[in-house]
Amino acid sequence: MNKIDGLLFMQHEHYLELDYRMINTLLVVLETGSITAAAQQLNVTQSAVSHTIERLRVIFHDPLFTRAGRGIVRTARAVQLGKELSLAVAHMRSLVQPTTFNPAQTVVDWKLAANDFQRDLILPEFYRRVAPQVLEFHLHIIPSEVPSIELLRDNNLDLVLSPICPDAPDILQKRLFTGKSICFFDNKIRPAPRTLADFQQATYVSLSFLDGKILANHPDEMIIDMDSKVRVRVSNFAGLAGFLRGTNLLAIAPDLMRYHALAGFAEAALPFAIPTLSMYM
């Protein structure tokens, strides 16, 4: 058995599942020695890295990594694979020669899914930068809400922008940024909430597609109680403003909304911990 046969000693159908993204994930985990560090370097979720490693264990018939305290230890097979796959990747890169690309003669037609927060925050500037550089730029944007994996798998969309990342190992993902949530309110109607009691006694406007999906998974009972005090649920971020204005409702939303949909509303910091908001594409 030669070196290539040894590297690809696996069932044929498993061999066909192996792709560059999986190989790159394995190489980064080998390099960093950590699932968490690899996810940060790749700008994906830890679950995406773990899913990939599980698939590679099946393909290579080896655990690849074993638990040791809080860390992981590479198996001998993983070390050998790292050496061989690094050479294979380098060879693949040498085979791929970039074709001539002339943006000025290119027609770009993209279909994206994004809610109004991501749409207003990211896409106008994206369009302003790309449009002058290409012959034509067509951008079709549909609401994403909770993104469907099938939309990407069936080639109905080119890209999804969402804080809710599809939990599927075959979907390529990148973290764009991580932000924090703050409280928005109408200071002409109510004073700023400052204490924990202020937030516990308040009522809220929130998003219909987040109903029970985020706050209810938070271990803090107070956060769960806040979710039960939502009085209005709207279909998109832009709808928050209409119900904040002239009422005593509060909205807990990404701080970046101060630059568009919630511009002009008063802000208050949260006196309790809440998960940070990561935006993925």
C-alpha atoms as a PDB file:
ATOM      1  CA  MET A   1       0.000   0.000   0.000  1.00  0.00           C
ATOM      2  CA  ASN A   2       1.519   3.325  -1.037  1.00  0.00           C
ATOM      3  CA  LYS A   3       1.271   6.654   0.790  1.00  0.00           C
ATOM      4  CA  ILE A   4      -1.852   7.800  -1.068  1.00  0.00           C
ATOM      5  CA  ASP A   5      -3.583   4.454  -0.487  1.00  0.00           C
ATOM      6  CA  GLY A   6      -2.787   4.729   3.220  1.00  0.00           C
ATOM      7  CA  LEU A   7      -4.196   8.235   3.415  1.00  0.00           C
ATOM      8  CA  LEU A   8      -7.440   7.311   1.649  1.00  0.00           C
ATOM      9  CA  PHE A   9      -8.008   3.922   3.278  1.00  0.00           C
ATOM     10  CA  MET A  10     -11.727   4.356   3.866  1.00  0.00           C
ATOM     11  CA  GLN A  11     -15.028   3.223   2.441  1.00  0.00           C
ATOM     12  CA  HIS A  12     -15.584   4.642  -1.034  1.00  0.00           C
ATOM     13  CA  GLU A  13     -18.788   6.489  -0.120  1.00  0.00           C
ATOM     14  CA  HIS A  14     -17.020   8.073   2.862  1.00  0.00           C
ATOM     15  CA  TYR A  15     -14.142   9.203   0.681  1.00  0.00           C
ATOM     16  CA  LEU A  16     -16.589  11.085  -1.518  1.00  0.00           C
ATOM     17  CA  GLU A  17     -17.791  13.054   1.531  1.00  0.00           C
ATOM     18  CA  LEU A  18     -14.347  14.517   2.157  1.00  0.00           C
ATOM     19  CA  ASP A  19     -14.011  18.137   1.035  1.00  0.00           C
ATOM     20  CA  TYR A  20     -11.558  20.985   1.454  1.00  0.00           C
ATOM     21  CA  ARG A  21     -13.548  22.645   4.241  1.00  0.00           C
ATOM     22  CA  MET A  22     -13.435  19.469   6.325  1.00  0.00           C
ATOM     23  CA  ILE A  23      -9.718  19.040   5.687  1.00  0.00           C
ATOM     24  CA  ASN A  24      -9.031  22.660   6.609  1.00  0.00           C
ATOM     25  CA  THR A  25     -11.049  22.305   9.822  1.00  0.00           C
ATOM     26  CA  LEU A  26      -9.023  19.243  10.815  1.00  0.00           C
ATOM     27  CA  LEU A  27      -5.742  21.033  10.097  1.00  0.00           C
ATOM     28  CA  VAL A  28      -6.771  24.066  12.174  1.00  0.00           C
ATOM     29  CA  VAL A  29      -7.839  21.884  15.137  1.00  0.00           C
ATOM     30  CA  LEU A  30      -4.502  20.059  14.883  1.00  0.00           C
ATOM     31  CA  GLU A  31      -2.672  23.388  14.808  1.00  0.00           C
ATOM     32  CA  THR A  32      -4.555  25.031  17.678  1.00  0.00           C
ATOM     33  CA  GLY A  33      -5.130  21.937  19.792  1.00  0.00           C
ATOM     34  CA  SER A  34      -8.590  23.222  20.724  1.00  0.00           C
ATOM     35  CA  ILE A  35     -12.122  23.055  19.319  1.00  0.00           C
ATOM     36  CA  THR A  36     -12.853  26.504  20.759  1.00  0.00           C
ATOM     37  CA  ALA A  37      -9.704  28.110  19.337  1.00  0.00           C
ATOM     38  CA  ALA A  38     -10.305  26.485  15.953  1.00  0.00           C
ATOM     39  CA  ALA A  39     -13.880  27.844  15.845  1.00  0.00           C
ATOM     40  CA  GLN A  40     -12.592  31.341  16.616  1.00  0.00           C
ATOM     41  CA  GLN A  41      -9.896  31.140  13.940  1.00  0.00           C
ATOM     42  CA  LEU A  42     -12.349  29.809  11.364  1.00  0.00           C
ATOM     43  CA  ASN A  43     -15.073  32.272  12.461  1.00  0.00           C
ATOM     44  CA  VAL A  44     -17.652  29.516  12.873  1.00  0.00           C
ATOM     45  CA  THR A  45     -19.509  28.061  15.837  1.00  0.00           C
ATOM     46  CA  GLN A  46     -17.996  25.391  18.072  1.00  0.00           C
ATOM     47  CA  SER A  47     -20.837  23.039  17.117  1.00  0.00           C
ATOM     48  CA  ALA A  48     -19.890  23.381  13.429  1.00  0.00           C
ATOM     49  CA  VAL A  49     -16.297  22.337  14.209  1.00  0.00           C
ATOM     50  CA  SER A  50     -17.500  19.458  16.402  1.00  0.00           C
ATOM     51  CA  HIS A  51     -19.871  18.255  13.658  1.00  0.00           C
ATOM     52  CA  THR A  52     -17.009  18.242  11.157  1.00  0.00           C
ATOM     53  CA  ILE A  53     -14.696  16.314  13.489  1.00  0.00           C
ATOM     54  CA  GLU A  54     -17.455  13.717  14.079  1.00  0.00           C
ATOM     55  CA  ARG A  55     -17.819  13.226  10.325  1.00  0.00           C
ATOM     56  CA  LEU A  56     -14.045  12.916   9.917  1.00  0.00           C
ATOM     57  CA  ARG A  57     -13.939  10.248  12.638  1.00  0.00           C
ATOM     58  CA  VAL A  58     -16.332   8.157  10.581  1.00  0.00           C
ATOM     59  CA  ILE A  59     -14.441   8.779   7.357  1.00  0.00           C
ATOM     60  CA  PHE A  60     -11.008   7.922   8.777  1.00  0.00           C
ATOM     61  CA  HIS A  61     -12.180   5.223  11.208  1.00  0.00           C
ATOM     62  CA  ASP A  62     -10.273   6.861  14.041  1.00  0.00           C
ATOM     63  CA  PRO A  63     -11.234   9.060  17.032  1.00  0.00           C
ATOM     64  CA  LEU A  64      -8.613  11.630  15.886  1.00  0.00           C
ATOM     65  CA  PHE A  65      -8.810  13.465  19.231  1.00  0.00           C
ATOM     66  CA  THR A  66      -9.380  12.220  22.773  1.00  0.00           C
ATOM     67  CA  ARG A  67     -10.321  14.132  25.902  1.00  0.00           C
ATOM     68  CA  ALA A  68      -7.567  14.937  28.407  1.00  0.00           C
ATOM     69  CA  GLY A  69      -8.836  17.080  31.274  1.00  0.00           C
ATOM     70  CA  ARG A  70     -10.254  20.232  29.703  1.00  0.00           C
ATOM     71  CA  GLY A  71      -8.305  19.811  26.498  1.00  0.00           C
ATOM     72  CA  ILE A  72      -7.927  17.326  23.657  1.00  0.00           C
ATOM     73  CA  VAL A  73      -5.029  15.099  22.589  1.00  0.00           C
ATOM     74  CA  ARG A  74      -4.276  14.112  18.997  1.00  0.00           C
ATOM     75  CA  THR A  75      -4.155  10.427  18.111  1.00  0.00           C
ATOM     76  CA  ALA A  76      -1.219   9.031  16.165  1.00  0.00           C
ATOM     77  CA  ARG A  77      -3.524   8.707  13.148  1.00  0.00           C
ATOM     78  CA  ALA A  78      -4.496  12.383  13.403  1.00  0.00           C
ATOM     79  CA  VAL A  79      -0.844  13.452  13.513  1.00  0.00           C
ATOM     80  CA  GLN A  80      -0.055  11.387  10.415  1.00  0.00           C
ATOM     81  CA  LEU A  81      -3.143  12.682   8.617  1.00  0.00           C
ATOM     82  CA  GLY A  82      -2.089  16.238   9.418  1.00  0.00           C
ATOM     83  CA  LYS A  83       1.242  15.726   7.673  1.00  0.00           C
ATOM     84  CA  GLU A  84      -0.237  14.039   4.622  1.00  0.00           C
ATOM     85  CA  LEU A  85      -3.228  16.378   4.264  1.00  0.00           C
ATOM     86  CA  SER A  86      -1.011  19.472   4.540  1.00  0.00           C
ATOM     87  CA  LEU A  87       0.967  18.184   1.554  1.00  0.00           C
ATOM     88  CA  ALA A  88      -2.240  17.315  -0.313  1.00  0.00           C
ATOM     89  CA  VAL A  89      -3.682  20.807   0.291  1.00  0.00           C
ATOM     90  CA  ALA A  90      -0.468  22.451  -0.883  1.00  0.00           C
ATOM     91  CA  HIS A  91      -0.574  20.308  -4.036  1.00  0.00           C
ATOM     92  CA  MET A  92      -4.237  21.159  -4.705  1.00  0.00           C
ATOM     93  CA  ARG A  93      -3.484  24.859  -4.366  1.00  0.00           C
ATOM     94  CA  SER A  94      -0.650  24.552  -6.886  1.00  0.00           C
ATOM     95  CA  LEU A  95      -3.051  22.951  -9.375  1.00  0.00           C
ATOM     96  CA  VAL A  96      -5.562  25.760  -9.216  1.00  0.00           C
ATOM     97  CA  GLN A  97      -4.486  28.715 -11.269  1.00  0.00           C
ATOM     98  CA  PRO A  98      -6.630  31.835 -10.953  1.00  0.00           C
ATOM     99  CA  THR A  99      -8.564  32.682 -14.097  1.00  0.00           C
ATOM    100  CA  THR A 100      -8.552  36.172 -15.451  1.00  0.00           C
ATOM    101  CA  PHE A 101     -11.234  38.183 -13.690  1.00  0.00           C
ATOM    102  CA  ASN A 102     -12.320  41.570 -14.943  1.00  0.00           C
ATOM    103  CA  PRO A 103     -14.900  43.097 -12.538  1.00  0.00           C
ATOM    104  CA  ALA A 104     -15.764  45.839 -15.025  1.00  0.00           C
ATOM    105  CA  GLN A 105     -17.089  43.190 -17.441  1.00  0.00           C
ATOM    106  CA  THR A 106     -18.886  41.103 -14.812  1.00  0.00           C
ATOM    107  CA  VAL A 107     -22.633  40.928 -14.133  1.00  0.00           C
ATOM    108  CA  VAL A 108     -23.314  39.991 -10.507  1.00  0.00           C
ATOM    109  CA  ASP A 109     -26.774  38.666  -9.631  1.00  0.00           C
ATOM    110  CA  TRP A 110     -27.127  37.713  -5.965  1.00  0.00           C
ATOM    111  CA  LYS A 111     -30.131  36.550  -3.976  1.00  0.00           C
ATOM    112  CA  LEU A 112     -29.736  37.013  -0.232  1.00  0.00           C
ATOM    113  CA  ALA A 113     -31.840  36.387   2.848  1.00  0.00           C
ATOM    114  CA  ALA A 114     -31.563  38.987   5.614  1.00  0.00           C
ATOM    115  CA  ASN A 115     -33.844  40.545   8.192  1.00  0.00           C
ATOM    116  CA  ASP A 116     -34.158  44.303   8.228  1.00  0.00           C
ATOM    117  CA  PHE A 117     -31.461  44.726  10.899  1.00  0.00           C
ATOM    118  CA  GLN A 118     -28.786  42.993   8.833  1.00  0.00           C
ATOM    119  CA  ARG A 119     -30.159  44.480   5.610  1.00  0.00           C
ATOM    120  CA  ASP A 120     -29.965  48.098   6.783  1.00  0.00           C
ATOM    121  CA  LEU A 121     -26.699  47.685   8.677  1.00  0.00           C
ATOM    122  CA  ILE A 122     -24.635  45.805   6.096  1.00  0.00           C
ATOM    123  CA  LEU A 123     -26.121  45.684   2.610  1.00  0.00           C
ATOM    124  CA  PRO A 124     -26.417  49.366   1.572  1.00  0.00           C
ATOM    125  CA  GLU A 125     -22.694  49.918   2.119  1.00  0.00           C
ATOM    126  CA  PHE A 126     -21.963  46.552   0.477  1.00  0.00           C
ATOM    127  CA  TYR A 127     -23.907  47.667  -2.595  1.00  0.00           C
ATOM    128  CA  ARG A 128     -22.213  51.082  -2.670  1.00  0.00           C
ATOM    129  CA  ARG A 129     -18.804  49.435  -2.684  1.00  0.00           C
ATOM    130  CA  VAL A 130     -19.456  46.690  -5.209  1.00  0.00           C
ATOM    131  CA  ALA A 131     -21.759  48.377  -7.745  1.00  0.00           C
ATOM    132  CA  PRO A 132     -19.184  50.869  -9.146  1.00  0.00           C
ATOM    133  CA  GLN A 133     -16.670  48.060  -9.697  1.00  0.00           C
ATOM    134  CA  VAL A 134     -18.797  45.725 -11.830  1.00  0.00           C
ATOM    135  CA  LEU A 135     -20.745  46.010 -15.058  1.00  0.00           C
ATOM    136  CA  GLU A 136     -24.094  45.321 -13.365  1.00  0.00           C
ATOM    137  CA  PHE A 137     -24.975  44.455  -9.776  1.00  0.00           C
ATOM    138  CA  HIS A 138     -28.381  42.935  -9.047  1.00  0.00           C
ATOM    139  CA  LEU A 139     -29.214  42.357  -5.384  1.00  0.00           C
ATOM    140  CA  HIS A 140     -32.452  40.581  -4.453  1.00  0.00           C
ATOM    141  CA  ILE A 141     -33.113  40.536  -0.700  1.00  0.00           C
ATOM    142  CA  ILE A 142     -35.781  38.426   1.003  1.00  0.00           C
ATOM    143  CA  PRO A 143     -36.594  38.186   4.751  1.00  0.00           C
ATOM    144  CA  SER A 144     -34.600  35.469   6.515  1.00  0.00           C
ATOM    145  CA  GLU A 145     -36.378  35.187   9.906  1.00  0.00           C
ATOM    146  CA  VAL A 146     -35.097  31.807  11.164  1.00  0.00           C
ATOM    147  CA  PRO A 147     -33.035  30.735   8.131  1.00  0.00           C
ATOM    148  CA  SER A 148     -33.903  27.490   6.376  1.00  0.00           C
ATOM    149  CA  ILE A 149     -31.026  25.179   5.504  1.00  0.00           C
ATOM    150  CA  GLU A 150     -32.970  23.922   2.492  1.00  0.00           C
ATOM    151  CA  LEU A 151     -32.919  27.392   0.914  1.00  0.00           C
ATOM    152  CA  LEU A 152     -29.123  27.159   0.672  1.00  0.00           C
ATOM    153  CA  ARG A 153     -28.943  23.468  -0.143  1.00  0.00           C
ATOM    154  CA  ASP A 154     -31.423  23.816  -3.007  1.00  0.00           C
ATOM    155  CA  ASN A 155     -29.507  26.786  -4.472  1.00  0.00           C
ATOM    156  CA  ASN A 156     -32.451  29.108  -3.980  1.00  0.00           C
ATOM    157  CA  LEU A 157     -30.160  31.569  -2.171  1.00  0.00           C
ATOM    158  CA  ASP A 158     -26.540  32.613  -2.527  1.00  0.00           C
ATOM    159  CA  LEU A 159     -26.111  33.896   1.019  1.00  0.00           C
ATOM    160  CA  VAL A 160     -27.926  34.217   4.342  1.00  0.00           C
ATOM    161  CA  LEU A 161     -27.168  36.904   6.924  1.00  0.00           C
ATOM    162  CA  SER A 162     -28.512  35.941  10.334  1.00  0.00           C
ATOM    163  CA  PRO A 163     -27.738  35.862  14.075  1.00  0.00           C
ATOM    164  CA  ILE A 164     -29.241  32.359  14.113  1.00  0.00           C
ATOM    165  CA  CYS A 165     -26.718  30.064  12.480  1.00  0.00           C
ATOM    166  CA  PRO A 166     -28.095  26.893  10.810  1.00  0.00           C
ATOM    167  CA  ASP A 167     -26.799  23.873  12.712  1.00  0.00           C
ATOM    168  CA  ALA A 168     -25.650  21.858   9.712  1.00  0.00           C
ATOM    169  CA  PRO A 169     -22.106  20.619   9.051  1.00  0.00           C
ATOM    170  CA  ASP A 170     -22.411  20.986   5.271  1.00  0.00           C
ATOM    171  CA  ILE A 171     -23.232  24.721   5.379  1.00  0.00           C
ATOM    172  CA  LEU A 172     -20.207  27.024   5.208  1.00  0.00           C
ATOM    173  CA  GLN A 173     -20.453  29.818   7.756  1.00  0.00           C
ATOM    174  CA  LYS A 174     -18.441  32.858   8.822  1.00  0.00           C
ATOM    175  CA  ARG A 175     -18.886  35.106  11.829  1.00  0.00           C
ATOM    176  CA  LEU A 176     -19.052  38.739  10.673  1.00  0.00           C
ATOM    177  CA  PHE A 177     -19.084  40.451  14.053  1.00  0.00           C
ATOM    178  CA  THR A 178     -20.187  40.115  17.659  1.00  0.00           C
ATOM    179  CA  GLY A 179     -22.141  42.867  19.374  1.00  0.00           C
ATOM    180  CA  LYS A 180     -24.051  43.463  22.567  1.00  0.00           C
ATOM    181  CA  SER A 181     -27.674  44.146  23.423  1.00  0.00           C
ATOM    182  CA  ILE A 182     -28.939  47.265  25.172  1.00  0.00           C
ATOM    183  CA  CYS A 183     -32.318  48.686  26.167  1.00  0.00           C
ATOM    184  CA  PHE A 184     -34.142  51.239  23.992  1.00  0.00           C
ATOM    185  CA  PHE A 185     -37.086  53.327  25.225  1.00  0.00           C
ATOM    186  CA  ASP A 186     -38.976  56.587  24.721  1.00  0.00           C
ATOM    187  CA  ASN A 187     -37.659  59.005  27.356  1.00  0.00           C
ATOM    188  CA  LYS A 188     -40.539  61.389  26.657  1.00  0.00           C
ATOM    189  CA  ILE A 189     -42.887  58.838  28.182  1.00  0.00           C
ATOM    190  CA  ARG A 190     -40.943  56.982  30.829  1.00  0.00           C
ATOM    191  CA  PRO A 191     -37.758  57.320  32.907  1.00  0.00           C
ATOM    192  CA  ALA A 192     -34.708  55.218  32.184  1.00  0.00           C
ATOM    193  CA  PRO A 193     -34.752  51.733  33.708  1.00  0.00           C
ATOM    194  CA  ARG A 194     -31.666  51.439  35.877  1.00  0.00           C
ATOM    195  CA  THR A 195     -32.117  48.640  38.407  1.00  0.00           C
ATOM    196  CA  LEU A 196     -32.924  44.983  38.103  1.00  0.00           C
ATOM    197  CA  ALA A 197     -36.327  45.708  39.637  1.00  0.00           C
ATOM    198  CA  ASP A 198     -37.037  48.295  36.911  1.00  0.00           C
ATOM    199  CA  PHE A 199     -36.529  45.656  34.225  1.00  0.00           C
ATOM    200  CA  GLN A 200     -38.511  43.016  36.127  1.00  0.00           C
ATOM    201  CA  GLN A 201     -41.498  45.334  36.428  1.00  0.00           C
ATOM    202  CA  ALA A 202     -41.388  46.580  32.817  1.00  0.00           C
ATOM    203  CA  THR A 203     -43.228  45.322  29.749  1.00  0.00           C
ATOM    204  CA  TYR A 204     -41.618  44.785  26.370  1.00  0.00           C
ATOM    205  CA  VAL A 205     -41.895  44.816  22.597  1.00  0.00           C
ATOM    206  CA  SER A 206     -39.981  42.026  20.857  1.00  0.00           C
ATOM    207  CA  LEU A 207     -39.739  40.032  17.633  1.00  0.00           C
ATOM    208  CA  SER A 208     -42.258  37.361  16.690  1.00  0.00           C
ATOM    209  CA  PHE A 209     -39.694  34.979  15.181  1.00  0.00           C
ATOM    210  CA  LEU A 210     -37.695  35.012  18.448  1.00  0.00           C
ATOM    211  CA  ASP A 211     -40.701  33.960  20.517  1.00  0.00           C
ATOM    212  CA  GLY A 212     -39.316  31.399  22.959  1.00  0.00           C
ATOM    213  CA  LYS A 213     -36.207  30.711  20.883  1.00  0.00           C
ATOM    214  CA  ILE A 214     -33.518  32.759  22.669  1.00  0.00           C
ATOM    215  CA  LEU A 215     -34.532  34.049  26.074  1.00  0.00           C
ATOM    216  CA  ALA A 216     -36.274  30.828  27.045  1.00  0.00           C
ATOM    217  CA  ASN A 217     -32.976  28.986  26.598  1.00  0.00           C
ATOM    218  CA  HIS A 218     -31.223  31.325  29.012  1.00  0.00           C
ATOM    219  CA  PRO A 219     -30.528  29.772  32.438  1.00  0.00           C
ATOM    220  CA  ASP A 220     -31.407  32.965  34.317  1.00  0.00           C
ATOM    221  CA  GLU A 221     -35.026  32.767  35.543  1.00  0.00           C
ATOM    222  CA  MET A 222     -35.274  36.557  35.458  1.00  0.00           C
ATOM    223  CA  ILE A 223     -34.535  36.572  31.710  1.00  0.00           C
ATOM    224  CA  ILE A 224     -37.201  33.932  31.168  1.00  0.00           C
ATOM    225  CA  ASP A 225     -39.643  36.029  33.203  1.00  0.00           C
ATOM    226  CA  MET A 226     -38.874  39.057  31.009  1.00  0.00           C
ATOM    227  CA  ASP A 227     -39.753  37.066  27.910  1.00  0.00           C
ATOM    228  CA  SER A 228     -43.147  36.319  29.464  1.00  0.00           C
ATOM    229  CA  LYS A 229     -43.742  40.074  29.820  1.00  0.00           C
ATOM    230  CA  VAL A 230     -43.551  40.799  26.119  1.00  0.00           C
ATOM    231  CA  ARG A 231     -46.785  42.596  25.234  1.00  0.00           C
ATOM    232  CA  VAL A 232     -46.151  43.138  21.523  1.00  0.00           C
ATOM    233  CA  ARG A 233     -44.303  40.940  19.032  1.00  0.00           C
ATOM    234  CA  VAL A 234     -43.516  42.401  15.619  1.00  0.00           C
ATOM    235  CA  SER A 235     -42.369  40.663  12.464  1.00  0.00           C
ATOM    236  CA  ASN A 236     -39.160  42.665  11.969  1.00  0.00           C
ATOM    237  CA  PHE A 237     -36.724  45.003  13.735  1.00  0.00           C
ATOM    238  CA  ALA A 238     -38.143  48.103  12.061  1.00  0.00           C
ATOM    239  CA  GLY A 239     -41.472  47.425  13.754  1.00  0.00           C
ATOM    240  CA  LEU A 240     -39.972  48.014  17.209  1.00  0.00           C
ATOM    241  CA  ALA A 241     -39.826  51.787  16.755  1.00  0.00           C
ATOM    242  CA  GLY A 242     -43.547  52.247  16.191  1.00  0.00           C
ATOM    243  CA  PHE A 243     -44.439  50.538  19.463  1.00  0.00           C
ATOM    244  CA  LEU A 244     -41.658  52.182  21.496  1.00  0.00           C
ATOM    245  CA  ARG A 245     -42.667  55.668  20.441  1.00  0.00           C
ATOM    246  CA  GLY A 246     -45.299  57.096  22.769  1.00  0.00           C
ATOM    247  CA  THR A 247     -45.463  54.051  25.100  1.00  0.00           C
ATOM    248  CA  ASN A 248     -43.713  52.838  28.228  1.00  0.00           C
ATOM    249  CA  LEU A 249     -42.548  49.634  26.530  1.00  0.00           C
ATOM    250  CA  LEU A 250     -38.881  48.627  26.486  1.00  0.00           C
ATOM    251  CA  ALA A 251     -37.008  46.886  23.685  1.00  0.00           C
ATOM    252  CA  ILE A 252     -33.833  44.872  24.205  1.00  0.00           C
ATOM    253  CA  ALA A 253     -32.065  45.000  20.864  1.00  0.00           C
ATOM    254  CA  PRO A 254     -28.587  45.112  19.290  1.00  0.00           C
ATOM    255  CA  ASP A 255     -26.749  48.345  20.131  1.00  0.00           C
ATOM    256  CA  LEU A 256     -25.980  48.868  16.416  1.00  0.00           C
ATOM    257  CA  MET A 257     -29.660  49.647  15.848  1.00  0.00           C
ATOM    258  CA  ARG A 258     -28.961  53.118  17.249  1.00  0.00           C
ATOM    259  CA  TYR A 259     -27.614  53.951  13.791  1.00  0.00           C
ATOM    260  CA  HIS A 260     -30.796  53.228  11.810  1.00  0.00           C
ATOM    261  CA  ALA A 261     -34.145  51.749  12.936  1.00  0.00           C
ATOM    262  CA  LEU A 262     -33.927  52.911  16.564  1.00  0.00           C
ATOM    263  CA  ALA A 263     -32.029  56.148  16.010  1.00  0.00           C
ATOM    264  CA  GLY A 264     -33.265  58.896  18.338  1.00  0.00           C
ATOM    265  CA  PHE A 265     -34.527  56.639  21.115  1.00  0.00           C
ATOM    266  CA  ALA A 266     -33.000  56.802  24.581  1.00  0.00           C
ATOM    267  CA  GLU A 267     -30.701  53.980  25.668  1.00  0.00           C
ATOM    268  CA  ALA A 268     -29.947  52.188  28.913  1.00  0.00           C
ATOM    269  CA  ALA A 269     -27.368  49.584  29.796  1.00  0.00           C
ATOM    270  CA  LEU A 270     -28.606  46.208  31.018  1.00  0.00           C
ATOM    271  CA  PRO A 271     -27.897  45.464  34.718  1.00  0.00           C
ATOM    272  CA  PHE A 272     -27.770  41.736  34.013  1.00  0.00           C
ATOM    273  CA  ALA A 273     -25.866  39.398  31.714  1.00  0.00           C
ATOM    274  CA  ILE A 274     -27.383  38.486  28.381  1.00  0.00           C
ATOM    275  CA  PRO A 275     -25.756  36.500  25.558  1.00  0.00           C
ATOM    276  CA  THR A 276     -23.802  38.550  23.040  1.00  0.00           C
ATOM    277  CA  LEU A 277     -25.160  38.758  19.513  1.00  0.00           C
ATOM    278  CA  SER A 278     -23.048  37.221  16.755  1.00  0.00           C
ATOM    279  CA  MET A 279     -23.886  37.856  13.126  1.00  0.00           C
ATOM    280  CA  TYR A 280     -23.111  35.098  10.620  1.00  0.00           C
ATOM    281  CA  MET A 281     -23.162  34.724   6.887  1.00  0.00           C
END
